[in-house]
Amino acid sequence: MSDLDREQIPKLSKSRFLAGLQCHKRLYLECFHRDLADPVDPRQQALLDAGTQVGGLARGLYPGGVLISDDHLHHDDAVVSTKRALSDPSIPAIYEAGFVYDDIRIRADLLARVGKDAFELLEVKSGTHVKEDHLPDVGVQLYVLNGCRIPIGRACLIHLNKEYVYQGGDYDLSQLFSAEDITDDVQQVQSDIALALDEMRLPLWSLEAPDIKARKQCSKPYPCPFYGCCHIDWPEHHVTQLPRVREELLQALEAAGIEDIRDIPPGFPGLNQTQQRVRDCVVNNRVHLDPSLARAMGQLEYPIHFLDFETFNPALPLYVGTHPYQVIPFQWSNHIVNRDGELRHEGFLQQEFSDPREPFARSLLKTLGTSGSIITYSSFEAVRIRQLATDLQGLSMDLLALLDGRIVDLLQLLRRHCYHPEFHGSFSLKSVLPALVPDLDYSDLEISDGDQASAAYAEMIWPETSPERRNSLREGLLAYCERDTEAMVRLFQVLSSGRLASLGK
């Protein structure tokens, strides 16, 4: 097929327009090769589900309106239904109104009637503040509405109020949501939107996706759904694996024709100390292990507790006294090593649909006792303990005592003192473990990361979940959290023994 055989290109939509702003290649793949997209991960699905739930709830701010349709597959029908609703002055609001102009299809979350002939455009977001990328989102809707000659007096973004504290019962919608007038801002981007539309349509006439190098746009403002497709042919040690690499350094490496860390010459300007260490380890295929790490391990106090939390942060607060997106700990795992080498495991998982914070905290205090180092992997657990101390005043002093010199962050010790070429620039537990403890992984588990755990817990406590499914989720959560602390124990054993010193030689 030649270029002349393509007589038309797909209509754009708000989501496709935003995809094109991120990357023209992403837009092309969205239109013609959607099958190449990465699977939707649990975190992305949770955000989508939260958006749907929050959007539906926000309609209660403008009661008595008409829902055109939640089905976005039959846009022409939605346009017809919207025209009927617009012509009926007795309808105060229209939900999911459909419009098309300049071959762009949009669905407006809310159109609220103001007076006889004017409307307010209200975009609902499940976040807690206005973001820069919201402006083109609302701006392209205003572009279409202006083209359809719909009089818009004001454009607002409705988002969750992070200061709202749930008091129980039905949500107080007037307090749960905040509305910000962004009319002037979206008016100012109208000319930019018209120009951007022209620029992103041109590549769509081609029979091949535009050749755009994978760079930081692959993850900003959101992870691209075609990330895997665009990174499939990257070298094993791509320069983006340099820790905390800045755009200026990436540009300098690209100008020098360098894509692989192994090709970076000695003394290349712009590398910081950590990046230089990574470069040297990869080029020489060796492991860096500072002897001071083993010494630090030897100073830990027994019994040593290896601690991990699992949490979730529902967009809409579930428990009295909590606010939108408050992080709620629901599970802990503690592997305990005594001085004689004895190892035992204790754990906690809240299984009922009730606030888990107090039973979580009380059981945590019991398992950790008043002595022994507490090993965590990042500062996450310490932050959560501090928040629990604020939320649970009766346990505050005991919880804060856990933070008084007992917690040791294994992640920070590794960052400072160790690097293995197979880390590939990441110090996450899932990256470090296969390099340092190759006989232990997560492949045999139903739940294998924190995002899956959060989603599993939300499903487990949902009243409509079947007993069989609830039990399966429970077993999966217990196995996953226990594996995290088992992994930390194994890392501790390897690092404190100094056995890494012989690797790569």
Protein backbone atom coordinates (compact mmCIF):
# COMPACT_ATOMS: atom_id res chain seq x y z
CA MET A 1 0.00 0.00 0.00
CA SER A 2 1.34 3.47 -0.86
CA ASP A 3 0.80 6.82 0.81
CA LEU A 4 -1.79 7.61 -1.85
CA ASP A 5 -3.97 4.73 -0.60
CA ARG A 6 -4.55 6.47 2.72
CA GLU A 7 -7.52 8.71 1.98
CA GLN A 8 -8.20 9.72 5.57
CA ILE A 9 -6.73 9.60 9.04
CA PRO A 10 -8.55 8.69 12.26
CA LYS A 11 -10.47 11.35 14.09
CA LEU A 12 -8.72 12.70 17.13
CA SER A 13 -10.14 12.72 20.64
CA LYS A 14 -9.13 14.40 23.85
CA SER A 15 -7.07 11.38 24.88
CA ARG A 16 -5.40 11.14 21.47
CA PHE A 17 -4.64 14.85 21.50
CA LEU A 18 -2.95 14.51 24.88
CA ALA A 19 -1.04 11.47 23.57
CA GLY A 20 0.18 13.58 20.66
CA LEU A 21 1.38 16.31 23.01
CA GLN A 22 3.51 13.76 24.82
CA CYS A 23 4.93 12.20 21.63
CA HIS A 24 3.85 12.02 17.99
CA LYS A 25 4.98 8.41 17.87
CA ARG A 26 2.70 7.56 20.77
CA LEU A 27 -0.23 9.18 18.93
CA TYR A 28 0.57 7.20 15.78
CA LEU A 29 0.67 3.93 17.69
CA GLU A 30 -2.56 4.83 19.54
CA CYS A 31 -4.28 5.27 16.17
CA PHE A 32 -2.85 2.37 14.15
CA HIS A 33 -1.11 -0.14 16.43
CA ARG A 34 -2.98 -0.20 19.71
CA ASP A 35 -2.16 -3.91 20.00
CA LEU A 36 1.49 -2.98 20.75
CA ALA A 37 0.56 -1.24 24.00
CA ASP A 38 1.88 -2.61 27.29
CA PRO A 39 -0.62 -4.39 29.55
CA VAL A 40 -2.33 -2.06 32.00
CA ASP A 41 -0.60 -2.55 35.34
CA PRO A 42 -2.43 -2.55 38.71
CA ARG A 43 -1.38 1.01 39.52
CA GLN A 44 -2.71 2.35 36.23
CA GLN A 45 -5.94 0.39 36.61
CA ALA A 46 -6.40 1.72 40.13
CA LEU A 47 -6.03 5.29 38.83
CA LEU A 48 -8.56 4.62 36.07
CA ASP A 49 -11.01 3.09 38.52
CA ALA A 50 -10.56 6.01 40.93
CA GLY A 51 -11.21 8.47 38.10
CA THR A 52 -14.44 6.71 37.18
CA GLN A 53 -15.63 6.58 40.79
CA VAL A 54 -14.75 10.21 41.54
CA GLY A 55 -16.28 11.42 38.28
CA GLY A 56 -19.57 9.73 39.04
CA LEU A 57 -19.66 11.12 42.56
CA ALA A 58 -18.93 14.67 41.37
CA ARG A 59 -22.18 14.71 39.39
CA GLY A 60 -23.89 15.09 42.74
CA LEU A 61 -22.54 18.64 42.89
CA TYR A 62 -24.93 19.46 40.03
CA PRO A 63 -27.99 17.30 40.69
CA GLY A 64 -30.91 16.82 38.33
CA GLY A 65 -28.79 16.57 35.22
CA VAL A 66 -28.96 14.11 32.34
CA LEU A 67 -26.33 11.42 31.71
CA ILE A 68 -25.81 11.14 27.99
CA SER A 69 -24.00 7.81 28.15
CA ASP A 70 -20.99 6.19 29.77
CA ASP A 71 -20.45 4.31 26.49
CA HIS A 72 -17.73 6.12 24.57
CA LEU A 73 -17.90 3.74 21.60
CA HIS A 74 -20.97 5.30 19.98
CA HIS A 75 -19.95 8.92 19.79
CA ASP A 76 -22.36 9.93 17.01
CA ASP A 77 -25.31 8.81 19.13
CA ALA A 78 -23.93 10.82 22.08
CA VAL A 79 -23.72 13.95 19.89
CA VAL A 80 -27.39 13.60 18.90
CA SER A 81 -28.50 13.06 22.51
CA THR A 82 -26.42 16.03 23.64
CA LYS A 83 -28.07 18.35 21.12
CA ARG A 84 -31.49 17.39 22.49
CA ALA A 85 -30.39 18.04 26.06
CA LEU A 86 -28.87 21.41 25.14
CA SER A 87 -32.14 22.53 23.60
CA ASP A 88 -34.14 21.69 26.74
CA PRO A 89 -33.81 24.62 29.21
CA SER A 90 -35.31 22.51 32.01
CA ILE A 91 -32.16 20.36 32.14
CA PRO A 92 -29.71 22.02 34.59
CA ALA A 93 -26.67 19.91 33.78
CA ILE A 94 -25.41 17.43 31.20
CA TYR A 95 -23.03 14.63 32.13
CA GLU A 96 -20.69 13.13 29.50
CA ALA A 97 -21.92 15.49 26.78
CA GLY A 98 -20.61 14.55 23.32
CA PHE A 99 -19.32 16.96 20.67
CA VAL A 100 -17.34 16.86 17.45
CA TYR A 101 -15.57 19.72 15.66
CA ASP A 102 -12.61 19.84 13.29
CA ASP A 103 -12.54 16.02 13.38
CA ILE A 104 -12.00 16.05 17.15
CA ARG A 105 -14.36 14.14 19.41
CA ILE A 106 -14.75 15.03 23.07
CA ARG A 107 -16.90 14.02 25.99
CA ALA A 108 -17.29 16.75 28.61
CA ASP A 109 -17.54 15.50 32.20
CA LEU A 110 -20.02 18.20 33.19
CA LEU A 111 -21.81 21.05 31.46
CA ALA A 112 -23.76 23.12 33.96
CA ARG A 113 -26.38 25.51 32.66
CA VAL A 114 -25.90 29.13 33.74
CA GLY A 115 -28.90 31.30 33.02
CA LYS A 116 -30.80 30.73 29.79
CA ASP A 117 -28.09 30.30 27.17
CA ALA A 118 -24.65 29.88 28.78
CA PHE A 119 -22.85 26.92 30.34
CA GLU A 120 -19.94 26.17 32.61
CA LEU A 121 -17.43 23.56 31.48
CA LEU A 122 -16.43 21.42 34.47
CA GLU A 123 -13.66 18.86 34.15
CA VAL A 124 -13.40 16.36 37.04
CA LYS A 125 -10.04 14.96 38.10
CA SER A 126 -9.38 12.42 40.83
CA GLY A 127 -6.21 14.22 41.96
CA THR A 128 -5.93 16.89 44.64
CA HIS A 129 -4.72 19.93 42.69
CA VAL A 130 -4.51 21.47 39.24
CA LYS A 131 -1.56 20.22 37.20
CA GLU A 132 0.11 21.80 34.20
CA ASP A 133 -1.07 19.02 31.88
CA HIS A 134 -4.69 19.71 32.87
CA LEU A 135 -4.65 22.95 30.87
CA PRO A 136 -4.40 21.37 27.39
CA ASP A 137 -6.87 18.71 28.58
CA VAL A 138 -9.54 21.34 29.30
CA GLY A 139 -8.22 23.60 26.55
CA VAL A 140 -8.94 21.14 23.73
CA GLN A 141 -12.47 20.69 25.08
CA LEU A 142 -12.97 24.46 25.00
CA TYR A 143 -11.55 24.52 21.44
CA VAL A 144 -14.24 22.04 20.33
CA LEU A 145 -17.03 23.74 22.27
CA ASN A 146 -16.11 27.12 20.79
CA GLY A 147 -16.14 25.53 17.35
CA CYS A 148 -19.61 24.11 18.05
CA ARG A 149 -20.76 27.58 19.18
CA ILE A 150 -21.57 26.46 22.71
CA PRO A 151 -21.39 29.57 24.93
CA ILE A 152 -19.01 28.78 27.80
CA GLY A 153 -18.95 31.39 30.52
CA ARG A 154 -16.40 29.66 32.72
CA ALA A 155 -14.09 26.64 32.66
CA CYS A 156 -13.32 24.96 35.97
CA LEU A 157 -11.38 21.98 37.19
CA ILE A 158 -12.99 20.02 40.00
CA HIS A 159 -10.65 17.92 42.12
CA LEU A 160 -10.59 16.21 45.49
CA ASN A 161 -9.88 18.39 48.52
CA LYS A 162 -6.91 16.81 50.29
CA GLU A 163 -7.87 18.65 53.51
CA TYR A 164 -11.29 16.99 53.69
CA VAL A 165 -11.62 14.71 56.72
CA TYR A 166 -14.24 11.99 56.45
CA GLN A 167 -16.78 12.02 59.29
CA GLY A 168 -18.64 8.84 58.36
CA GLY A 169 -21.84 8.22 56.40
CA ASP A 170 -22.36 9.94 53.06
CA TYR A 171 -19.61 12.20 51.80
CA ASP A 172 -20.11 15.95 52.16
CA LEU A 173 -19.61 16.73 48.48
CA SER A 174 -19.27 20.45 49.09
CA GLN A 175 -16.24 19.72 51.29
CA LEU A 176 -14.91 16.66 49.46
CA PHE A 177 -14.43 18.56 46.20
CA SER A 178 -12.71 21.83 45.33
CA ALA A 179 -13.30 23.80 42.12
CA GLU A 180 -10.71 26.08 40.55
CA ASP A 181 -11.49 28.57 37.79
CA ILE A 182 -8.95 28.06 34.98
CA THR A 183 -10.82 30.01 32.29
CA ASP A 184 -8.07 32.54 31.61
CA ASP A 185 -5.40 29.82 31.48
CA VAL A 186 -7.23 27.65 28.96
CA GLN A 187 -8.16 30.67 26.85
CA GLN A 188 -4.47 31.53 26.57
CA VAL A 189 -3.56 28.09 25.16
CA GLN A 190 -6.18 28.10 22.38
CA SER A 191 -3.75 29.24 19.67
CA ASP A 192 -1.21 26.68 20.86
CA ILE A 193 -3.83 23.94 20.61
CA ALA A 194 -4.68 24.80 17.01
CA LEU A 195 -0.99 24.72 16.08
CA ALA A 196 -0.39 21.46 17.95
CA LEU A 197 -3.32 19.81 16.15
CA ASP A 198 -1.87 20.70 12.76
CA GLU A 199 1.56 19.39 13.74
CA MET A 200 0.33 16.07 15.09
CA ARG A 201 -1.97 15.26 12.17
CA LEU A 202 0.78 15.38 9.57
CA PRO A 203 2.64 12.24 10.77
CA LEU A 204 -0.64 10.30 10.76
CA TRP A 205 -0.65 10.36 6.92
CA SER A 206 2.52 8.29 6.86
CA LEU A 207 2.49 4.50 6.62
CA GLU A 208 5.19 4.27 9.30
CA ALA A 209 5.42 5.63 12.81
CA PRO A 210 7.64 8.71 13.13
CA ASP A 211 11.22 7.96 14.15
CA ILE A 212 11.41 9.58 17.58
CA LYS A 213 14.09 8.58 20.04
CA ALA A 214 12.94 7.29 23.41
CA ARG A 215 13.81 9.93 25.97
CA LYS A 216 12.29 11.52 29.05
CA GLN A 217 8.99 12.14 27.26
CA CYS A 218 8.44 8.38 27.62
CA SER A 219 7.55 8.92 31.27
CA LYS A 220 6.33 12.54 31.40
CA PRO A 221 3.75 13.61 32.24
CA TYR A 222 2.72 9.94 32.46
CA PRO A 223 4.33 6.61 31.56
CA CYS A 224 3.72 5.97 27.86
CA PRO A 225 1.61 2.85 27.21
CA PHE A 226 4.06 1.92 24.41
CA TYR A 227 7.16 2.10 26.60
CA GLY A 228 8.03 -1.56 26.05
CA CYS A 229 7.59 -1.30 22.30
CA CYS A 230 9.96 1.66 22.01
CA HIS A 231 12.65 0.21 24.30
CA ILE A 232 12.78 -3.34 22.99
CA ASP A 233 16.02 -2.89 21.02
CA TRP A 234 17.92 -0.91 23.64
CA PRO A 235 21.38 -2.11 24.69
CA GLU A 236 21.62 -4.09 27.91
CA HIS A 237 23.29 -1.21 29.75
CA HIS A 238 21.65 1.85 28.21
CA VAL A 239 22.93 5.23 29.40
CA THR A 240 19.56 6.03 30.97
CA GLN A 241 20.47 3.44 33.62
CA LEU A 242 22.98 5.89 35.09
CA PRO A 243 21.47 6.82 38.48
CA ARG A 244 19.66 10.16 38.55
CA VAL A 245 20.92 11.06 35.09
CA ARG A 246 20.12 14.62 34.00
CA GLU A 247 18.90 15.66 30.56
CA GLU A 248 22.08 17.64 29.91
CA LEU A 249 24.22 14.54 30.35
CA LEU A 250 21.94 12.47 28.13
CA GLN A 251 22.22 15.11 25.41
CA ALA A 252 26.01 15.13 25.72
CA LEU A 253 26.15 11.34 25.43
CA GLU A 254 23.81 11.39 22.44
CA ALA A 255 25.95 14.04 20.73
CA ALA A 256 28.95 11.76 21.24
CA GLY A 257 27.06 8.83 19.73
CA ILE A 258 27.03 6.89 23.01
CA GLU A 259 24.01 4.75 23.93
CA ASP A 260 25.67 2.02 26.00
CA ILE A 261 27.36 2.66 29.36
CA ARG A 262 30.14 0.32 28.25
CA ASP A 263 31.05 2.82 25.51
CA ILE A 264 31.52 5.80 27.85
CA PRO A 265 35.23 6.67 27.76
CA PRO A 266 37.21 7.28 30.98
CA GLY A 267 36.86 10.80 32.30
CA PHE A 268 33.73 11.66 30.30
CA PRO A 269 32.63 15.09 31.59
CA GLY A 270 29.40 15.46 33.55
CA LEU A 271 29.41 12.14 35.44
CA ASN A 272 29.00 12.48 39.19
CA GLN A 273 30.77 10.15 41.61
CA THR A 274 27.96 7.57 41.74
CA GLN A 275 27.54 7.55 37.97
CA GLN A 276 31.31 7.15 37.52
CA ARG A 277 31.21 4.16 39.87
CA VAL A 278 28.38 2.61 37.84
CA ARG A 279 30.31 3.22 34.60
CA ASP A 280 33.46 1.59 36.01
CA CYS A 281 31.57 -1.47 37.32
CA VAL A 282 29.79 -2.03 34.00
CA VAL A 283 32.85 -1.43 31.80
CA ASN A 284 35.05 -3.72 33.91
CA ASN A 285 32.30 -6.25 34.71
CA ARG A 286 33.05 -6.09 38.40
CA VAL A 287 31.21 -5.52 41.65
CA HIS A 288 31.88 -2.57 43.93
CA LEU A 289 31.60 -3.46 47.59
CA ASP A 290 32.87 -1.07 50.23
CA PRO A 291 34.24 -3.01 53.25
CA SER A 292 32.55 -0.48 55.53
CA LEU A 293 29.20 -2.03 54.59
CA ALA A 294 30.05 -5.32 56.30
CA ARG A 295 31.33 -3.36 59.30
CA ALA A 296 28.02 -1.44 59.47
CA MET A 297 26.15 -4.75 59.40
CA GLY A 298 28.28 -6.00 62.28
CA GLN A 299 27.19 -3.08 64.46
CA LEU A 300 23.49 -3.97 64.33
CA GLU A 301 21.84 -4.88 67.62
CA TYR A 302 20.15 -8.25 68.13
CA PRO A 303 17.46 -9.35 67.80
CA ILE A 304 17.47 -7.87 64.29
CA HIS A 305 14.00 -7.21 62.83
CA PHE A 306 13.54 -7.15 59.05
CA LEU A 307 10.38 -5.12 58.57
CA ASP A 308 8.11 -4.43 55.60
CA PHE A 309 4.70 -2.74 55.35
CA GLU A 310 1.96 -2.99 52.75
CA THR A 311 -0.40 -0.03 52.34
CA PHE A 312 -3.15 1.35 50.16
CA ASN A 313 -4.33 4.91 49.60
CA PRO A 314 -7.95 5.07 48.41
CA ALA A 315 -8.91 8.21 46.53
CA LEU A 316 -12.15 8.38 48.51
CA PRO A 317 -11.55 7.98 52.26
CA LEU A 318 -13.01 4.80 53.74
CA TYR A 319 -12.41 5.35 57.46
CA VAL A 320 -13.51 8.10 59.83
CA GLY A 321 -10.78 10.65 60.39
CA THR A 322 -8.95 9.98 57.11
CA HIS A 323 -8.66 12.15 54.01
CA PRO A 324 -8.40 11.50 50.26
CA TYR A 325 -5.36 9.43 49.32
CA GLN A 326 -4.25 9.00 52.91
CA VAL A 327 -1.81 6.10 53.04
CA ILE A 328 -3.30 3.35 55.21
CA PRO A 329 -1.03 0.51 56.40
CA PHE A 330 -2.86 -2.80 56.52
CA GLN A 331 -0.11 -5.45 56.70
CA TRP A 332 3.35 -5.99 58.12
CA SER A 333 5.91 -8.76 57.95
CA ASN A 334 8.77 -9.19 60.43
CA HIS A 335 11.59 -11.71 60.07
CA ILE A 336 13.54 -11.83 63.33
CA VAL A 337 17.15 -12.99 63.56
CA ASN A 338 18.58 -13.75 67.00
CA ARG A 339 22.28 -13.58 67.86
CA ASP A 340 22.59 -17.38 67.64
CA GLY A 341 21.26 -17.28 64.06
CA GLU A 342 17.75 -18.49 64.89
CA LEU A 343 15.24 -17.10 62.39
CA ARG A 344 11.51 -16.78 62.91
CA HIS A 345 8.69 -14.93 61.16
CA GLU A 346 5.70 -12.97 62.43
CA GLY A 347 3.08 -11.15 60.43
CA PHE A 348 -0.15 -9.17 60.53
CA LEU A 349 -2.90 -8.65 57.95
CA GLN A 350 -6.14 -6.78 58.65
CA GLN A 351 -8.89 -8.84 57.04
CA GLU A 352 -12.09 -7.03 57.99
CA PHE A 353 -13.59 -3.94 56.39
CA SER A 354 -12.65 -1.70 59.30
CA ASP A 355 -9.93 0.83 60.02
CA PRO A 356 -6.73 -1.23 60.25
CA ARG A 357 -4.50 1.45 61.79
CA GLU A 358 -4.90 0.75 65.50
CA PRO A 359 -4.73 -3.08 65.34
CA PHE A 360 -1.82 -2.71 62.92
CA ALA A 361 0.04 -0.41 65.33
CA ARG A 362 -0.63 -2.46 68.46
CA SER A 363 0.51 -5.69 66.84
CA LEU A 364 3.56 -3.89 65.40
CA LEU A 365 4.63 -2.64 68.83
CA LYS A 366 4.28 -6.15 70.21
CA THR A 367 6.39 -7.82 67.51
CA LEU A 368 9.17 -5.19 67.57
CA GLY A 369 9.44 -4.96 71.34
CA THR A 370 11.80 -2.40 72.83
CA SER A 371 15.18 -3.64 71.63
CA GLY A 372 17.00 -4.68 68.49
CA SER A 373 17.76 -2.98 65.17
CA ILE A 374 14.91 -2.64 62.68
CA ILE A 375 16.00 -3.12 59.06
CA THR A 376 13.81 -1.57 56.37
CA TYR A 377 14.31 -1.11 52.65
CA SER A 378 13.78 2.66 52.20
CA SER A 379 12.39 5.25 54.60
CA PHE A 380 8.79 4.23 53.83
CA GLU A 381 8.18 2.32 57.06
CA ALA A 382 9.61 5.12 59.21
CA VAL A 383 7.32 7.66 57.53
CA ARG A 384 4.30 5.44 58.10
CA ILE A 385 5.18 4.90 61.77
CA ARG A 386 5.46 8.65 62.24
CA GLN A 387 2.04 9.15 60.65
CA LEU A 388 0.53 6.46 62.88
CA ALA A 389 1.96 8.28 65.89
CA THR A 390 0.09 11.39 64.76
CA ASP A 391 -3.16 9.51 64.08
CA LEU A 392 -3.13 7.38 67.25
CA GLN A 393 -2.35 9.69 70.12
CA GLY A 394 -2.67 6.96 72.74
CA LEU A 395 0.17 5.01 71.09
CA SER A 396 2.20 8.00 70.00
CA MET A 397 5.09 7.75 72.49
CA ASP A 398 5.61 4.02 71.95
CA LEU A 399 5.51 4.39 68.16
CA LEU A 400 7.96 7.30 68.13
CA ALA A 401 10.32 5.27 70.34
CA LEU A 402 10.70 2.84 67.42
CA LEU A 403 12.30 5.68 65.45
CA ASP A 404 14.81 6.54 68.18
CA GLY A 405 17.97 5.06 66.68
CA ARG A 406 16.54 1.62 65.92
CA ILE A 407 15.73 1.85 62.20
CA VAL A 408 18.44 1.16 59.63
CA ASP A 409 17.70 1.78 55.95
CA LEU A 410 19.29 -1.05 53.94
CA LEU A 411 18.53 0.74 50.67
CA GLN A 412 20.67 3.74 51.62
CA LEU A 413 23.52 1.48 52.73
CA LEU A 414 23.45 -0.25 49.35
CA ARG A 415 23.35 3.04 47.45
CA ARG A 416 26.44 4.28 49.25
CA HIS A 417 28.50 1.12 49.42
CA CYS A 418 27.57 -1.40 46.72
CA TYR A 419 27.00 -1.72 42.98
CA HIS A 420 26.57 -4.74 40.73
CA PRO A 421 26.36 -4.41 36.92
CA GLU A 422 23.14 -6.42 37.00
CA PHE A 423 21.42 -3.71 39.06
CA HIS A 424 21.01 -1.86 35.73
CA GLY A 425 20.95 1.46 37.51
CA SER A 426 18.18 0.57 39.95
CA PHE A 427 18.52 -0.09 43.67
CA SER A 428 14.96 -1.35 44.09
CA LEU A 429 14.62 -4.63 45.93
CA LYS A 430 13.35 -6.33 42.75
CA SER A 431 16.50 -5.21 40.88
CA VAL A 432 19.04 -5.90 43.62
CA LEU A 433 17.78 -9.35 44.64
CA PRO A 434 18.42 -11.29 41.39
CA ALA A 435 21.96 -9.89 41.22
CA LEU A 436 22.94 -10.63 44.81
CA VAL A 437 20.64 -13.53 45.73
CA PRO A 438 19.93 -15.25 42.38
CA ASP A 439 18.19 -18.28 43.91
CA LEU A 440 15.36 -16.18 45.40
CA ASP A 441 12.72 -14.27 43.43
CA TYR A 442 8.98 -13.57 43.24
CA SER A 443 8.09 -15.65 40.18
CA ASP A 444 6.16 -18.29 42.17
CA LEU A 445 3.84 -15.72 43.80
CA GLU A 446 0.38 -14.60 42.69
CA ILE A 447 1.15 -11.11 44.04
CA SER A 448 4.62 -9.85 43.17
CA ASP A 449 4.74 -6.10 43.80
CA GLY A 450 3.32 -3.40 46.04
CA ASP A 451 0.83 -2.07 43.51
CA GLN A 452 -0.67 -5.53 43.11
CA ALA A 453 -0.80 -5.86 46.89
CA SER A 454 -2.69 -2.57 47.25
CA ALA A 455 -5.20 -3.59 44.58
CA ALA A 456 -5.57 -7.06 46.11
CA TYR A 457 -6.31 -5.64 49.55
CA ALA A 458 -8.93 -3.25 48.19
CA GLU A 459 -10.59 -6.22 46.48
CA MET A 460 -10.27 -8.46 49.53
CA ILE A 461 -12.14 -6.09 51.86
CA TRP A 462 -14.82 -5.21 49.30
CA PRO A 463 -18.14 -6.57 50.64
CA GLU A 464 -19.11 -8.14 47.30
CA THR A 465 -15.93 -10.21 46.98
CA SER A 466 -16.72 -13.93 47.30
CA PRO A 467 -15.32 -15.89 50.28
CA GLU A 468 -13.27 -18.06 47.93
CA ARG A 469 -11.70 -15.07 46.21
CA ARG A 470 -11.15 -13.31 49.53
CA ASN A 471 -9.26 -16.31 50.89
CA SER A 472 -7.12 -16.52 47.74
CA LEU A 473 -6.21 -12.83 48.03
CA ARG A 474 -5.41 -13.25 51.72
CA GLU A 475 -2.99 -16.10 51.01
CA GLY A 476 -1.38 -14.12 48.21
CA LEU A 477 -0.86 -11.07 50.40
CA LEU A 478 0.64 -13.08 53.24
CA ALA A 479 3.07 -14.84 50.89
CA TYR A 480 4.16 -11.63 49.17
CA CYS A 481 4.86 -9.56 52.28
CA GLU A 482 6.72 -12.46 53.89
CA ARG A 483 8.86 -12.82 50.75
CA ASP A 484 9.88 -9.16 50.96
CA THR A 485 11.34 -9.56 54.45
CA GLU A 486 12.85 -12.94 53.59
CA ALA A 487 14.62 -11.19 50.70
CA MET A 488 16.00 -8.59 53.11
CA VAL A 489 17.32 -11.32 55.41
CA ARG A 490 19.09 -13.00 52.50
CA LEU A 491 20.60 -9.69 51.37
CA PHE A 492 21.79 -9.03 54.91
CA GLN A 493 23.46 -12.46 55.04
CA VAL A 494 25.26 -11.92 51.73
CA LEU A 495 26.34 -8.35 52.43
CA SER A 496 27.50 -8.95 55.99
CA SER A 497 29.58 -11.95 54.88
CA GLY A 498 31.49 -9.90 52.29
CA ARG A 499 31.15 -12.72 49.74
CA LEU A 500 30.50 -10.22 46.96
CA ALA A 501 34.17 -9.29 46.97
CA SER A 502 34.95 -12.34 44.84
CA LEU A 503 32.36 -11.68 42.13
CA GLY A 504 33.41 -10.40 38.72
CA LYS A 505 37.02 -11.55 39.14
